Amino acid sequence: MAITSALVDAVTLVVANVIVADPAVDPAPPGYLLVRLQPGDDCQIGYIYDPATGTFSPPPVEVT
């Protein structure tokens, strides 16, 4: 079974991509974290990762 992971910018904690990779085996590219997604996780490009809770949240909505 394929393991889906979020590719997270290590500085901004913004999700750069959602890829098929196993964080236990596959190394993250320099400057990124691989975070394994669980079934039911709501995670898309641009979401913010909270390492304290292991959750993802949508980016803030900018009002113009």
C-alpha atoms as a PDB file:
ATOM      1  CA  MET A   1       0.000   0.000   0.000  1.00  0.00           C
ATOM      2  CA  ALA A   2       1.310   3.441  -0.924  1.00  0.00           C
ATOM      3  CA  ILE A   3       2.060   5.843   1.897  1.00  0.00           C
ATOM      4  CA  THR A   4       1.076   9.450   1.328  1.00  0.00           C
ATOM      5  CA  SER A   5       3.117  12.188   2.986  1.00  0.00           C
ATOM      6  CA  ALA A   6       3.125  15.943   3.153  1.00  0.00           C
ATOM      7  CA  LEU A   7       6.304  17.649   1.988  1.00  0.00           C
ATOM      8  CA  VAL A   8       6.574  20.512   4.488  1.00  0.00           C
ATOM      9  CA  ASP A   9       8.937  23.501   4.339  1.00  0.00           C
ATOM     10  CA  ALA A  10      11.055  23.156   7.501  1.00  0.00           C
ATOM     11  CA  VAL A  11      11.153  26.927   8.107  1.00  0.00           C
ATOM     12  CA  THR A  12       7.647  28.120   7.263  1.00  0.00           C
ATOM     13  CA  LEU A  13       5.851  24.805   7.977  1.00  0.00           C
ATOM     14  CA  VAL A  14       3.788  25.308   4.813  1.00  0.00           C
ATOM     15  CA  VAL A  15       2.878  22.193   2.828  1.00  0.00           C
ATOM     16  CA  ALA A  16       4.728  22.402  -0.482  1.00  0.00           C
ATOM     17  CA  ASN A  17       3.343  19.170  -1.931  1.00  0.00           C
ATOM     18  CA  VAL A  18       1.573  15.913  -1.123  1.00  0.00           C
ATOM     19  CA  ILE A  19       3.575  12.942  -2.378  1.00  0.00           C
ATOM     20  CA  VAL A  20       3.868   9.175  -2.208  1.00  0.00           C
ATOM     21  CA  ALA A  21       6.752   8.596   0.228  1.00  0.00           C
ATOM     22  CA  ASP A  22       7.422   6.824   3.524  1.00  0.00           C
ATOM     23  CA  PRO A  23       9.092   9.150   6.057  1.00  0.00           C
ATOM     24  CA  ALA A  24      10.517   6.095   7.844  1.00  0.00           C
ATOM     25  CA  VAL A  25      12.450   5.094   4.716  1.00  0.00           C
ATOM     26  CA  ASP A  26      12.580   7.975   2.247  1.00  0.00           C
ATOM     27  CA  PRO A  27      14.781  10.969   3.056  1.00  0.00           C
ATOM     28  CA  ALA A  28      13.246  14.427   2.828  1.00  0.00           C
ATOM     29  CA  PRO A  29      14.948  16.885   0.487  1.00  0.00           C
ATOM     30  CA  PRO A  30      17.156  19.472   2.223  1.00  0.00           C
ATOM     31  CA  GLY A  31      15.037  22.148   3.901  1.00  0.00           C
ATOM     32  CA  TYR A  32      11.909  19.992   4.056  1.00  0.00           C
ATOM     33  CA  LEU A  33      10.172  17.557   6.385  1.00  0.00           C
ATOM     34  CA  LEU A  34       8.203  14.499   5.345  1.00  0.00           C
ATOM     35  CA  VAL A  35       5.081  14.060   7.459  1.00  0.00           C
ATOM     36  CA  ARG A  36       3.100  10.849   7.044  1.00  0.00           C
ATOM     37  CA  LEU A  37      -0.574  11.473   6.417  1.00  0.00           C
ATOM     38  CA  GLN A  38      -3.149   9.326   8.171  1.00  0.00           C
ATOM     39  CA  PRO A  39      -6.465   8.343   6.598  1.00  0.00           C
ATOM     40  CA  GLY A  40      -8.844  11.243   7.055  1.00  0.00           C
ATOM     41  CA  ASP A  41      -6.140  13.918   7.375  1.00  0.00           C
ATOM     42  CA  ASP A  42      -7.232  17.088   5.613  1.00  0.00           C
ATOM     43  CA  CYS A  43      -4.026  18.286   3.964  1.00  0.00           C
ATOM     44  CA  GLN A  44      -3.469  20.222   0.764  1.00  0.00           C
ATOM     45  CA  ILE A  45      -0.713  22.332  -0.756  1.00  0.00           C
ATOM     46  CA  GLY A  46      -0.551  25.602   1.170  1.00  0.00           C
ATOM     47  CA  TYR A  47      -1.841  24.171   4.461  1.00  0.00           C
ATOM     48  CA  ILE A  48       0.121  24.893   7.645  1.00  0.00           C
ATOM     49  CA  TYR A  49       1.626  22.028   9.666  1.00  0.00           C
ATOM     50  CA  ASP A  50       1.616  22.216  13.478  1.00  0.00           C
ATOM     51  CA  PRO A  51       4.382  19.904  14.735  1.00  0.00           C
ATOM     52  CA  ALA A  52       3.163  20.218  18.352  1.00  0.00           C
ATOM     53  CA  THR A  53      -0.172  18.612  17.506  1.00  0.00           C
ATOM     54  CA  GLY A  54       0.707  16.830  14.266  1.00  0.00           C
ATOM     55  CA  THR A  55      -2.225  18.504  12.516  1.00  0.00           C
ATOM     56  CA  PHE A  56      -2.708  20.589   9.391  1.00  0.00           C
ATOM     57  CA  SER A  57      -4.831  23.694   9.014  1.00  0.00           C
ATOM     58  CA  PRO A  58      -5.866  25.755   5.993  1.00  0.00           C
ATOM     59  CA  PRO A  59      -3.873  28.913   5.322  1.00  0.00           C
ATOM     60  CA  PRO A  60      -5.335  32.150   6.661  1.00  0.00           C
ATOM     61  CA  VAL A  61      -7.774  33.850   4.318  1.00  0.00           C
ATOM     62  CA  GLU A  62      -6.550  37.235   3.145  1.00  0.00           C
ATOM     63  CA  VAL A  63      -9.226  39.901   3.043  1.00  0.00           C
ATOM     64  CA  THR A  64      -8.747  42.551   0.384  1.00  0.00           C
END
